[in-house]
Amino acid sequence: MNTPTRPLRPLCNALLATLVCLLAACGGAAVPTDGGGGILPGTWKPTEVIGSGSAANAVAIDGDGNAAAVWTRLSEVWANAYNAAGGGWGPAHRIDGHSGQVGSATVAMGGGAMAVWQEGTIATRRFAAGQWGGVDSVPGSAGNAITPLAGMDDSGNAFVAWWRASDYRLFISRRAAGAWEQTPTEVTADSAANSPSLAVSANGDALIAWTSGGGHVDTRRYTPATGWDAPDPADRADDNAGTPTGAQAALDELGNAFVVWNEGGVLKGNHRQAGGAWAGETTVYADGGLGSYLLAAGHGAAMAAWNENGRVGAAAFDPGTGWAPTLPVENNTNLIDDLRLGMDHAGNAIALWTVGDRVMVNRHTAAAGWGQAKPLDGNAGLILGPRLAVSSGGTAMAVWKQGGGADQIAAARYAP
């Protein structure tokens, strides 16, 4: 048999160009290429199906671009992991304890990955060296723990917070040196605590925020050197503007803390430099029509984004000037949903949302502001619950459930 001597690369390039054209013709987002067969940096990679499930619960990403996603399928919890060194997504694994009684699930990433879910207790599984470990229960969470939140630092130390369903008190536990604390910390004894939000920085600091029954946005800060501080309200101004709801917390890699919340239809905020006190309540957005909102932080900067009468609005925080509105992320007046936001350590932000059965995305840089919103998916039918994670270096991973009855869990990756 004769072996062809002509290089195959031109043929591969032609095939790739044909595929790009077919994607565009079918309604999918065209994939920019470098003319030599590779996909250009600064673009989203083609969508991949990574498993089958009822909802995409969470995704997390580390500084090297490795990622992990968790989702539920009926009464099961499933997970998959992405290897940025070249392995890509692996096979999906069922990770729950096979009790048939699982609740909400999430995932955190830093020094490895950790999936967390509700299964009679707060259950966890670690992912390291290419495989999932055994199921591990958080001490003190048995019985009626619900709605877990999770975060992890770059050394693999982890935090998990949860509500106790019997009285809605808020608890948190830390895992360090391979073991959970035997007694969790009671964050607050306030039975009216609501809307908790947990942020964990790369250096091991943590911030938890919630709205209290006393009408405040309360916070507690953890540092490895001092442990947990006392509850500290972030909304110090008594302006009688309304009862705070929906606290959102963020920490950057330097230990700077940010909180935003809704107060009478106005988006309020506060910030706290590493080692300092809350600077003072301020207005982030007050023009009306405020819907859902999110917060992200990186290298002293922060970004808030919100659903505003069918469009995506945003404001940026600069350490020297405070909060200021940006140009709209998306001016389309179509009904938007499932807004997500992330920021890297250079202060670049990515926003993701749905419009009908499409996943939309936009990116913000300090130099250029927001770009043009683009569809991310290939119009694969019903889209549910997209999730977004952005790494310290700017790599991002998005996951969602698509396809109506097909129950596919899809993922797309952005490389800066």
Protein backbone atom coordinates (compact mmCIF):
# COMPACT_ATOMS: atom_id res chain seq x y z
CA MET A 1 0.00 0.00 0.00
CA ASN A 2 1.32 3.42 -0.97
CA THR A 3 1.67 5.96 1.82
CA PRO A 4 0.59 9.49 0.80
CA THR A 5 3.40 12.01 1.01
CA ARG A 6 1.27 15.16 0.72
CA PRO A 7 0.72 16.87 4.10
CA LEU A 8 -2.77 16.47 5.54
CA ARG A 9 -2.93 19.89 7.24
CA PRO A 10 -4.43 21.77 4.25
CA LEU A 11 -7.15 19.15 4.03
CA CYS A 12 -7.85 19.46 7.78
CA ASN A 13 -7.99 23.23 7.47
CA ALA A 14 -10.50 22.99 4.67
CA LEU A 15 -12.64 20.58 6.65
CA LEU A 16 -12.54 22.89 9.66
CA ALA A 17 -13.55 25.89 7.55
CA THR A 18 -16.46 23.88 6.15
CA LEU A 19 -17.54 22.94 9.68
CA VAL A 20 -17.45 26.60 10.76
CA CYS A 21 -19.65 27.57 7.82
CA LEU A 22 -22.11 24.78 8.59
CA LEU A 23 -22.32 25.89 12.22
CA ALA A 24 -23.12 29.44 11.15
CA ALA A 25 -25.72 28.25 8.66
CA CYS A 26 -27.43 26.17 11.33
CA GLY A 27 -27.79 29.06 13.74
CA GLY A 28 -24.78 28.23 15.92
CA ALA A 29 -22.07 30.69 16.82
CA ALA A 30 -19.26 30.62 14.29
CA VAL A 31 -15.89 29.67 15.77
CA PRO A 32 -13.05 32.06 14.80
CA THR A 33 -9.94 30.25 13.61
CA ASP A 34 -6.35 31.26 12.97
CA GLY A 35 -6.33 29.98 9.40
CA GLY A 36 -4.03 27.13 10.41
CA GLY A 37 -6.55 24.88 12.08
CA GLY A 38 -6.44 26.34 15.61
CA ILE A 39 -9.11 28.33 17.41
CA LEU A 40 -8.11 31.89 18.22
CA PRO A 41 -7.37 32.96 21.79
CA GLY A 42 -10.01 35.19 23.36
CA THR A 43 -12.93 33.17 21.99
CA TRP A 44 -15.41 30.64 23.29
CA LYS A 45 -14.74 27.07 22.26
CA PRO A 46 -17.48 24.90 20.73
CA THR A 47 -20.15 23.53 23.06
CA GLU A 48 -19.65 19.98 24.38
CA VAL A 49 -22.14 17.61 25.97
CA ILE A 50 -20.61 16.41 29.25
CA GLY A 51 -23.43 14.36 30.75
CA SER A 52 -27.15 13.88 31.21
CA GLY A 53 -29.20 15.49 33.95
CA SER A 54 -32.24 17.45 35.07
CA ALA A 55 -30.40 20.69 35.93
CA ALA A 56 -26.85 22.08 35.85
CA ASN A 57 -26.37 23.00 39.50
CA ALA A 58 -22.88 24.52 39.64
CA VAL A 59 -19.48 24.88 37.99
CA ALA A 60 -16.13 25.94 39.45
CA ILE A 61 -12.69 26.63 37.97
CA ASP A 62 -9.16 26.97 39.37
CA GLY A 63 -6.26 29.24 38.44
CA ASP A 64 -4.89 26.72 35.94
CA GLY A 65 -8.18 26.46 34.06
CA ASN A 66 -9.19 23.05 35.43
CA ALA A 67 -12.92 22.89 36.07
CA ALA A 68 -15.58 20.76 37.72
CA ALA A 69 -19.35 20.70 37.23
CA VAL A 70 -22.12 19.06 39.29
CA TRP A 71 -25.74 18.46 38.43
CA THR A 72 -28.75 16.48 39.55
CA ARG A 73 -30.54 13.73 37.65
CA LEU A 74 -33.78 12.77 39.36
CA SER A 75 -32.63 11.71 42.87
CA GLU A 76 -28.95 11.43 41.93
CA VAL A 77 -25.95 13.79 41.96
CA TRP A 78 -23.52 13.60 39.05
CA ALA A 79 -20.20 15.33 38.34
CA ASN A 80 -17.56 15.74 35.66
CA ALA A 81 -14.09 17.28 35.71
CA TYR A 82 -12.15 19.18 33.04
CA ASN A 83 -8.37 18.76 32.70
CA ALA A 84 -6.84 21.93 31.20
CA ALA A 85 -3.52 20.18 30.56
CA GLY A 86 -5.02 18.40 27.57
CA GLY A 87 -7.43 15.76 28.82
CA GLY A 88 -10.55 17.89 28.47
CA TRP A 89 -13.77 16.63 30.03
CA GLY A 90 -13.70 13.09 31.35
CA PRO A 91 -16.61 10.68 31.81
CA ALA A 92 -19.46 11.75 34.07
CA HIS A 93 -19.66 10.03 37.47
CA ARG A 94 -22.50 9.52 39.89
CA ILE A 95 -21.11 10.79 43.20
CA ASP A 96 -23.97 10.70 45.75
CA GLY A 97 -24.39 8.08 48.46
CA HIS A 98 -27.24 6.23 46.66
CA SER A 99 -29.79 7.07 49.36
CA GLY A 100 -32.36 8.29 46.84
CA GLN A 101 -32.85 11.46 48.89
CA VAL A 102 -30.55 14.17 47.60
CA GLY A 103 -31.05 17.93 47.66
CA SER A 104 -29.29 20.97 46.28
CA ALA A 105 -25.70 20.53 45.09
CA THR A 106 -22.75 22.82 44.47
CA VAL A 107 -19.01 22.61 43.79
CA ALA A 108 -15.90 24.54 44.83
CA MET A 109 -12.39 24.55 43.37
CA GLY A 110 -8.95 25.76 44.39
CA GLY A 111 -6.41 23.18 45.49
CA GLY A 112 -8.42 20.38 43.86
CA ALA A 113 -12.21 20.26 43.66
CA MET A 114 -14.98 19.45 46.12
CA ALA A 115 -18.59 18.61 45.34
CA VAL A 116 -21.13 19.36 48.10
CA TRP A 117 -24.78 18.36 48.34
CA GLN A 118 -27.61 17.69 50.75
CA GLU A 119 -28.27 14.01 51.54
CA GLY A 120 -29.66 13.76 55.08
CA THR A 121 -26.41 15.46 56.04
CA ILE A 122 -24.09 17.81 54.15
CA ALA A 123 -22.16 15.34 52.00
CA THR A 124 -18.92 16.07 50.14
CA ARG A 125 -16.53 14.35 47.73
CA ARG A 126 -13.07 15.55 46.78
CA PHE A 127 -11.59 15.32 43.28
CA ALA A 128 -7.80 14.98 43.11
CA ALA A 129 -5.23 13.17 40.96
CA GLY A 130 -7.86 12.49 38.30
CA GLN A 131 -10.44 10.72 40.45
CA TRP A 132 -13.27 11.30 42.91
CA GLY A 133 -12.69 10.21 46.50
CA GLY A 134 -15.24 8.72 48.86
CA VAL A 135 -18.31 10.42 50.34
CA ASP A 136 -17.50 12.44 53.46
CA SER A 137 -20.12 14.01 55.76
CA VAL A 138 -19.54 17.37 57.44
CA PRO A 139 -19.62 16.87 61.24
CA GLY A 140 -22.54 18.56 62.93
CA SER A 141 -24.68 18.75 59.79
CA ALA A 142 -26.75 15.59 60.20
CA GLY A 143 -30.52 15.72 60.42
CA ASN A 144 -31.93 18.81 58.75
CA ALA A 145 -29.14 20.75 57.02
CA ILE A 146 -30.25 22.36 53.75
CA THR A 147 -29.04 24.64 50.96
CA PRO A 148 -25.25 24.23 51.20
CA LEU A 149 -22.81 26.92 50.02
CA ALA A 150 -19.15 26.10 49.36
CA GLY A 151 -15.79 27.74 48.66
CA MET A 152 -12.14 26.69 48.51
CA ASP A 153 -8.77 28.45 48.61
CA ASP A 154 -5.70 27.68 46.53
CA SER A 155 -4.28 25.41 49.25
CA GLY A 156 -7.34 23.16 49.19
CA ASN A 157 -8.83 24.42 52.45
CA ALA A 158 -12.62 24.48 52.12
CA PHE A 159 -15.66 26.13 53.72
CA VAL A 160 -19.24 24.86 53.67
CA ALA A 161 -22.18 26.86 55.03
CA TRP A 162 -25.76 25.68 55.47
CA TRP A 163 -29.10 26.46 57.05
CA ARG A 164 -30.56 24.29 59.80
CA ALA A 165 -34.08 23.68 58.55
CA SER A 166 -35.66 23.37 62.00
CA ASP A 167 -34.93 26.98 62.97
CA TYR A 168 -33.16 28.52 59.93
CA ARG A 169 -29.99 29.26 61.86
CA LEU A 170 -26.86 29.56 59.77
CA PHE A 171 -23.77 27.38 60.29
CA ILE A 172 -20.36 27.11 58.64
CA SER A 173 -17.51 24.60 58.85
CA ARG A 174 -13.91 24.66 57.59
CA ARG A 175 -11.85 21.78 56.24
CA ALA A 176 -8.07 22.09 56.63
CA ALA A 177 -5.22 19.56 56.64
CA GLY A 178 -7.59 16.94 55.26
CA ALA A 179 -10.19 17.08 58.04
CA TRP A 180 -13.39 18.96 58.86
CA GLU A 181 -13.84 20.83 62.11
CA GLN A 182 -15.69 18.62 64.57
CA THR A 183 -17.96 21.45 65.69
CA PRO A 184 -19.30 23.90 63.10
CA THR A 185 -19.44 27.63 63.81
CA GLU A 186 -22.89 29.07 64.35
CA VAL A 187 -22.75 32.15 62.12
CA THR A 188 -25.84 33.69 63.67
CA ALA A 189 -28.50 32.70 66.18
CA ASP A 190 -31.01 34.87 64.29
CA SER A 191 -33.80 32.56 63.16
CA ALA A 192 -34.82 35.15 60.56
CA ALA A 193 -31.44 35.09 58.78
CA ASN A 194 -32.01 35.04 55.04
CA SER A 195 -30.22 35.03 51.68
CA PRO A 196 -26.74 33.90 52.80
CA SER A 197 -23.85 34.40 50.39
CA LEU A 198 -20.35 32.91 50.84
CA ALA A 199 -17.09 34.05 49.22
CA VAL A 200 -13.64 32.47 49.69
CA SER A 201 -10.42 34.06 48.42
CA ALA A 202 -7.34 32.37 47.02
CA ASN A 203 -5.36 33.17 50.18
CA GLY A 204 -7.83 31.50 52.54
CA ASP A 205 -9.94 34.44 53.73
CA ALA A 206 -13.71 33.96 53.77
CA LEU A 207 -16.70 36.29 53.93
CA ILE A 208 -20.30 35.35 54.62
CA ALA A 209 -23.14 37.85 54.33
CA TRP A 210 -26.85 37.58 55.06
CA THR A 211 -29.88 39.72 55.78
CA SER A 212 -30.94 39.63 59.41
CA GLY A 213 -34.29 39.75 61.13
CA GLY A 214 -33.22 43.10 62.56
CA GLY A 215 -33.25 44.69 59.13
CA HIS A 216 -29.50 44.70 58.49
CA VAL A 217 -27.02 43.21 56.05
CA ASP A 218 -24.76 41.35 58.47
CA THR A 219 -21.34 39.91 57.65
CA ARG A 220 -18.65 37.83 59.26
CA ARG A 221 -15.05 37.64 58.08
CA TYR A 222 -12.58 34.76 58.48
CA THR A 223 -8.80 35.00 58.20
CA PRO A 224 -6.43 32.08 58.84
CA ALA A 225 -4.57 34.17 61.42
CA THR A 226 -7.55 35.30 63.52
CA GLY A 227 -10.46 32.99 62.72
CA TRP A 228 -14.03 34.32 62.56
CA ASP A 229 -14.76 37.88 63.66
CA ALA A 230 -18.02 39.01 65.27
CA PRO A 231 -21.07 39.88 63.14
CA ASP A 232 -20.48 43.27 61.48
CA PRO A 233 -23.31 45.10 59.66
CA ALA A 234 -22.42 46.38 56.19
CA ASP A 235 -25.44 48.71 55.98
CA ARG A 236 -24.52 51.23 58.65
CA ALA A 237 -26.66 54.09 57.25
CA ASP A 238 -30.13 54.32 58.82
CA ASP A 239 -31.84 55.82 55.79
CA ASN A 240 -35.21 54.06 56.16
CA ALA A 241 -35.09 53.21 52.46
CA GLY A 242 -36.55 49.75 53.00
CA THR A 243 -35.71 46.34 54.39
CA PRO A 244 -32.49 44.90 52.90
CA THR A 245 -32.84 41.67 50.94
CA GLY A 246 -30.66 39.44 48.79
CA ALA A 247 -27.12 40.08 50.07
CA GLN A 248 -24.34 39.14 47.64
CA ALA A 249 -20.72 38.82 48.86
CA ALA A 250 -17.42 38.82 46.97
CA LEU A 251 -13.72 38.66 47.93
CA ASP A 252 -10.76 39.33 45.66
CA GLU A 253 -7.36 37.64 45.86
CA LEU A 254 -5.98 40.52 47.95
CA GLY A 255 -8.59 40.09 50.69
CA ASN A 256 -10.73 43.11 49.73
CA ALA A 257 -14.40 42.49 50.50
CA PHE A 258 -17.56 43.68 48.72
CA VAL A 259 -21.28 43.34 49.46
CA VAL A 260 -24.34 44.47 47.50
CA TRP A 261 -28.03 44.17 48.39
CA ASN A 262 -31.51 45.37 47.41
CA GLU A 263 -33.04 48.03 49.64
CA GLY A 264 -36.43 49.30 48.55
CA GLY A 265 -35.69 48.64 44.87
CA VAL A 266 -32.29 50.38 45.06
CA LEU A 267 -29.05 48.41 44.69
CA LYS A 268 -26.84 49.35 47.64
CA GLY A 269 -23.23 48.35 48.30
CA ASN A 270 -20.27 48.56 50.65
CA HIS A 271 -16.60 47.62 50.47
CA ARG A 272 -13.89 46.82 52.96
CA GLN A 273 -10.17 46.82 52.28
CA ALA A 274 -8.15 43.87 53.54
CA GLY A 275 -7.59 44.37 57.26
CA GLY A 276 -9.88 47.41 57.40
CA ALA A 277 -13.48 48.27 58.25
CA TRP A 278 -16.53 48.72 56.04
CA ALA A 279 -16.13 52.04 54.22
CA GLY A 280 -19.79 53.02 54.28
CA GLU A 281 -23.04 52.20 52.52
CA THR A 282 -23.39 53.66 49.03
CA THR A 283 -25.84 53.52 46.14
CA VAL A 284 -24.78 51.33 43.22
CA TYR A 285 -27.93 51.69 41.08
CA ALA A 286 -31.16 53.59 41.73
CA ASP A 287 -32.97 54.05 38.40
CA GLY A 288 -35.74 51.51 39.01
CA GLY A 289 -36.63 48.21 37.38
CA LEU A 290 -34.09 46.28 39.45
CA GLY A 291 -34.43 42.52 39.06
CA SER A 292 -31.92 39.82 39.93
CA TYR A 293 -28.34 40.94 40.49
CA LEU A 294 -24.86 39.51 41.04
CA LEU A 295 -21.43 40.63 42.27
CA ALA A 296 -17.85 39.66 41.40
CA ALA A 297 -14.44 41.02 42.41
CA GLY A 298 -10.81 40.91 41.30
CA HIS A 299 -7.62 42.80 42.23
CA GLY A 300 -9.31 45.64 44.09
CA ALA A 301 -12.03 46.11 41.47
CA ALA A 302 -15.58 44.78 41.45
CA MET A 303 -18.51 44.48 39.06
CA ALA A 304 -22.23 44.31 39.80
CA ALA A 305 -24.72 43.28 37.11
CA TRP A 306 -28.50 43.14 37.20
CA ASN A 307 -31.63 42.42 35.22
CA GLU A 308 -33.18 45.81 34.44
CA ASN A 309 -36.54 45.77 32.66
CA GLY A 310 -35.44 43.14 30.18
CA ARG A 311 -31.85 44.27 29.67
CA VAL A 312 -28.59 43.62 31.51
CA GLY A 313 -27.21 46.64 33.37
CA ALA A 314 -23.90 46.89 35.22
CA ALA A 315 -21.75 49.10 37.42
CA ALA A 316 -18.00 48.90 38.05
CA PHE A 317 -16.16 49.65 41.29
CA ASP A 318 -12.80 51.40 41.12
CA PRO A 319 -10.76 51.73 44.36
CA GLY A 320 -10.13 55.41 43.62
CA THR A 321 -13.58 56.55 42.49
CA GLY A 322 -16.07 54.01 43.86
CA TRP A 323 -19.10 52.70 41.94
CA ALA A 324 -20.00 54.04 38.50
CA PRO A 325 -22.43 52.73 35.84
CA THR A 326 -21.01 51.10 32.73
CA LEU A 327 -22.64 50.98 29.34
CA PRO A 328 -25.39 48.33 29.33
CA VAL A 329 -24.16 44.77 28.95
CA GLU A 330 -27.13 44.07 26.68
CA ASN A 331 -29.65 46.62 25.36
CA ASN A 332 -32.06 44.04 23.96
CA THR A 333 -35.46 44.47 25.61
CA ASN A 334 -36.28 40.77 25.29
CA LEU A 335 -37.02 38.98 28.55
CA ILE A 336 -33.71 37.87 30.07
CA ASP A 337 -33.19 35.28 32.77
CA ASP A 338 -30.52 33.34 34.69
CA LEU A 339 -27.97 36.15 34.89
CA ARG A 340 -24.43 35.03 35.91
CA LEU A 341 -21.23 37.03 36.47
CA GLY A 342 -17.53 36.36 37.07
CA MET A 343 -14.29 38.36 37.24
CA ASP A 344 -10.59 37.49 36.92
CA HIS A 345 -7.65 38.88 38.91
CA ALA A 346 -6.98 41.54 36.27
CA GLY A 347 -10.48 42.98 36.75
CA ASN A 348 -11.94 41.65 33.48
CA ALA A 349 -15.55 40.47 33.83
CA ILE A 350 -17.79 38.04 31.96
CA ALA A 351 -21.60 38.13 32.11
CA LEU A 352 -23.85 35.29 30.94
CA TRP A 353 -27.65 35.07 30.69
CA THR A 354 -30.46 33.50 28.69
CA VAL A 355 -32.87 35.06 26.21
CA GLY A 356 -35.52 32.53 25.33
CA ASP A 357 -33.70 29.37 24.29
CA ARG A 358 -30.31 31.02 23.77
CA VAL A 359 -27.32 31.42 26.08
CA MET A 360 -25.85 34.91 25.68
CA VAL A 361 -22.45 36.15 26.83
CA ASN A 362 -20.45 39.39 26.98
CA ARG A 363 -17.01 40.38 28.32
CA HIS A 364 -15.82 43.60 29.97
CA THR A 365 -12.26 44.92 30.12
CA ALA A 366 -11.03 48.05 31.89
CA ALA A 367 -9.62 49.36 28.61
CA ALA A 368 -12.56 48.70 26.29
CA GLY A 369 -15.62 48.26 28.51
CA TRP A 370 -18.31 45.79 27.50
CA GLY A 371 -18.10 44.24 24.06
CA GLN A 372 -20.97 43.02 21.92
CA ALA A 373 -23.28 40.39 23.39
CA LYS A 374 -23.14 37.10 21.47
CA PRO A 375 -24.98 33.78 21.51
CA LEU A 376 -22.90 31.03 23.07
CA ASP A 377 -24.92 27.90 22.39
CA GLY A 378 -25.90 26.27 19.11
CA ASN A 379 -29.66 26.85 19.60
CA ALA A 380 -30.12 23.29 20.87
CA GLY A 381 -33.64 23.79 22.21
CA LEU A 382 -34.81 24.50 25.75
CA ILE A 383 -32.05 26.05 27.91
CA LEU A 384 -32.22 25.83 31.70
CA GLY A 385 -30.05 27.08 34.56
CA PRO A 386 -26.76 28.20 33.01
CA ARG A 387 -23.84 28.54 35.43
CA LEU A 388 -20.55 30.41 35.01
CA ALA A 389 -17.12 30.30 36.64
CA VAL A 390 -14.17 32.59 35.81
CA SER A 391 -10.59 31.78 36.85
CA SER A 392 -7.95 34.14 38.22
CA GLY A 393 -6.26 34.11 34.80
CA GLY A 394 -9.43 34.87 32.83
CA THR A 395 -10.34 31.39 31.62
CA ALA A 396 -14.07 30.73 31.98
CA MET A 397 -16.37 27.73 31.92
CA ALA A 398 -20.13 27.81 31.38
CA VAL A 399 -22.50 24.87 31.82
CA TRP A 400 -26.25 24.51 31.27
CA LYS A 401 -29.02 21.99 30.68
CA GLN A 402 -30.26 21.90 27.08
CA GLY A 403 -32.45 20.04 24.63
CA GLY A 404 -35.82 19.74 26.33
CA GLY A 405 -36.48 16.03 26.84
CA ALA A 406 -32.92 15.11 25.87
CA ASP A 407 -31.66 16.25 29.31
CA GLN A 408 -28.17 17.08 28.09
CA ILE A 409 -25.65 18.91 30.31
CA ALA A 410 -23.62 21.12 27.98
CA ALA A 411 -20.42 23.10 28.57
CA ALA A 412 -18.40 25.78 26.76
CA ARG A 413 -14.95 27.12 27.64
CA TYR A 414 -13.41 30.56 27.13
CA ALA A 415 -9.64 30.94 26.90
CA PRO A 416 -8.21 34.52 27.03
